[in-house]
Every structure is written in C-alpha cells, then in structure tokens.
C-alpha cells in the first residue's frame, strides 16, 4: 500500500490523504482533493513536493492549478 499525505506546514496537521495499491498520479490527486475539500485554500497557495513523477504529471499539475487559482 502507498500513502500520499498533504501536510499544512503552519499547523503541522495532515489535511489530506489517500491510500492505494499503486503509486500513481491519481493517488496524489485524490490526496489533493481531500485537502482542498477540508481547507478550501486561497489563491496563491504554495505547494511543495519532492517532484516525484506523480507530482510532475499533467493530471496533478492541472488539478493543483485548478485548486489554487480558480475561485468561483
């Protein structure tokens, strides 16, 4: 099993996580979605990763842009 966790460095809390049998882009996208639902980040959010292939994927970068830049 693989765990993708997103931490809020200010509060030091896990704000989103996802488990899967494979390390894929959808694993990290699901963790990002969970964090966004919980915290509703403001535009301009800084998101730091280790730049693994999952985080560099088009799917994740597109999801991160939509989460941090687009506000309805």
C-alpha atoms as a PDB file:
ATOM      1  CA  UNK A   1       0.000   0.000   0.000  1.00  0.00           C
ATOM      2  CA  UNK A   2       1.073   3.545  -0.744  1.00  0.00           C
ATOM      3  CA  UNK A   3       0.085   6.600   1.249  1.00  0.00           C
ATOM      4  CA  UNK A   4       0.064  10.146  -0.095  1.00  0.00           C
ATOM      5  CA  UNK A   5      -0.347  12.727   2.657  1.00  0.00           C
ATOM      6  CA  UNK A   6      -0.593  16.506   2.423  1.00  0.00           C
ATOM      7  CA  UNK A   7       0.603  18.459   5.434  1.00  0.00           C
ATOM      8  CA  UNK A   8      -0.211  22.016   6.395  1.00  0.00           C
ATOM      9  CA  UNK A   9       3.213  23.196   7.498  1.00  0.00           C
ATOM     10  CA  UNK A  10       1.774  26.006   9.611  1.00  0.00           C
ATOM     11  CA  UNK A  11      -0.483  23.827  11.754  1.00  0.00           C
ATOM     12  CA  UNK A  12       1.600  20.657  11.248  1.00  0.00           C
ATOM     13  CA  UNK A  13      -1.569  18.691  10.570  1.00  0.00           C
ATOM     14  CA  UNK A  14      -2.376  16.203   7.837  1.00  0.00           C
ATOM     15  CA  UNK A  15      -5.072  17.947   5.800  1.00  0.00           C
ATOM     16  CA  UNK A  16      -5.499  15.361   3.043  1.00  0.00           C
ATOM     17  CA  UNK A  17      -4.505  11.782   2.405  1.00  0.00           C
ATOM     18  CA  UNK A  18      -5.118   8.859   0.079  1.00  0.00           C
ATOM     19  CA  UNK A  19      -4.236   5.142   0.047  1.00  0.00           C
ATOM     20  CA  UNK A  20      -3.789   2.910  -2.992  1.00  0.00           C
ATOM     21  CA  UNK A  21      -2.069  -0.288  -4.034  1.00  0.00           C
ATOM     22  CA  UNK A  22      -0.044   1.595  -6.659  1.00  0.00           C
ATOM     23  CA  UNK A  23       1.861   4.867  -6.637  1.00  0.00           C
ATOM     24  CA  UNK A  24       0.041   6.732  -9.402  1.00  0.00           C
ATOM     25  CA  UNK A  25      -0.913  10.274 -10.271  1.00  0.00           C
ATOM     26  CA  UNK A  26      -4.488   9.526  -9.178  1.00  0.00           C
ATOM     27  CA  UNK A  27      -3.206   8.711  -5.673  1.00  0.00           C
ATOM     28  CA  UNK A  28      -1.732  12.185  -5.220  1.00  0.00           C
ATOM     29  CA  UNK A  29      -4.692  13.832  -6.992  1.00  0.00           C
ATOM     30  CA  UNK A  30      -7.071  12.184  -4.528  1.00  0.00           C
ATOM     31  CA  UNK A  31      -4.981  13.415  -1.595  1.00  0.00           C
ATOM     32  CA  UNK A  32      -5.030  16.944  -3.032  1.00  0.00           C
ATOM     33  CA  UNK A  33      -8.804  16.783  -3.491  1.00  0.00           C
ATOM     34  CA  UNK A  34      -9.257  15.691   0.126  1.00  0.00           C
ATOM     35  CA  UNK A  35      -7.063  18.550   1.371  1.00  0.00           C
ATOM     36  CA  UNK A  36      -8.884  21.100  -0.796  1.00  0.00           C
ATOM     37  CA  UNK A  37     -12.288  19.957   0.481  1.00  0.00           C
ATOM     38  CA  UNK A  38     -11.097  20.262   4.071  1.00  0.00           C
ATOM     39  CA  UNK A  39      -9.184  23.553   3.896  1.00  0.00           C
ATOM     40  CA  UNK A  40     -10.513  25.483   0.836  1.00  0.00           C
ATOM     41  CA  UNK A  41      -7.116  27.111   0.099  1.00  0.00           C
ATOM     42  CA  UNK A  42      -6.905  30.709  -1.048  1.00  0.00           C
ATOM     43  CA  UNK A  43      -5.427  31.673  -4.392  1.00  0.00           C
ATOM     44  CA  UNK A  44      -1.653  31.879  -4.244  1.00  0.00           C
ATOM     45  CA  UNK A  45      -1.137  28.737  -2.180  1.00  0.00           C
ATOM     46  CA  UNK A  46       2.461  27.469  -2.123  1.00  0.00           C
ATOM     47  CA  UNK A  47       2.619  23.698  -2.629  1.00  0.00           C
ATOM     48  CA  UNK A  48       5.975  21.923  -2.189  1.00  0.00           C
ATOM     49  CA  UNK A  49       6.688  18.343  -3.304  1.00  0.00           C
ATOM     50  CA  UNK A  50       9.709  16.125  -3.818  1.00  0.00           C
ATOM     51  CA  UNK A  51       8.986  16.385  -7.589  1.00  0.00           C
ATOM     52  CA  UNK A  52       8.348  12.681  -7.992  1.00  0.00           C
ATOM     53  CA  UNK A  53       6.824  11.630 -11.298  1.00  0.00           C
ATOM     54  CA  UNK A  54       3.318  11.546  -9.803  1.00  0.00           C
ATOM     55  CA  UNK A  55       3.565  15.180  -8.709  1.00  0.00           C
ATOM     56  CA  UNK A  56       5.069  16.222 -12.054  1.00  0.00           C
ATOM     57  CA  UNK A  57       2.281  14.552 -14.048  1.00  0.00           C
ATOM     58  CA  UNK A  58      -0.078  16.615 -16.189  1.00  0.00           C
ATOM     59  CA  UNK A  59      -3.060  15.323 -14.214  1.00  0.00           C
ATOM     60  CA  UNK A  60      -1.677  16.514 -10.871  1.00  0.00           C
ATOM     61  CA  UNK A  61      -0.364  19.845 -12.150  1.00  0.00           C
ATOM     62  CA  UNK A  62      -3.723  20.590 -13.785  1.00  0.00           C
ATOM     63  CA  UNK A  63      -5.592  19.653 -10.586  1.00  0.00           C
ATOM     64  CA  UNK A  64      -3.239  21.757  -8.451  1.00  0.00           C
ATOM     65  CA  UNK A  65      -3.695  24.776 -10.752  1.00  0.00           C
ATOM     66  CA  UNK A  66      -7.477  24.452 -10.605  1.00  0.00           C
ATOM     67  CA  UNK A  67      -7.410  24.073  -6.830  1.00  0.00           C
ATOM     68  CA  UNK A  68      -5.174  27.057  -6.147  1.00  0.00           C
ATOM     69  CA  UNK A  69      -6.002  29.504  -8.955  1.00  0.00           C
ATOM     70  CA  UNK A  70      -9.666  29.224  -9.866  1.00  0.00           C
ATOM     71  CA  UNK A  71     -12.261  30.582  -7.450  1.00  0.00           C
ATOM     72  CA  UNK A  72     -15.977  30.568  -8.120  1.00  0.00           C
END
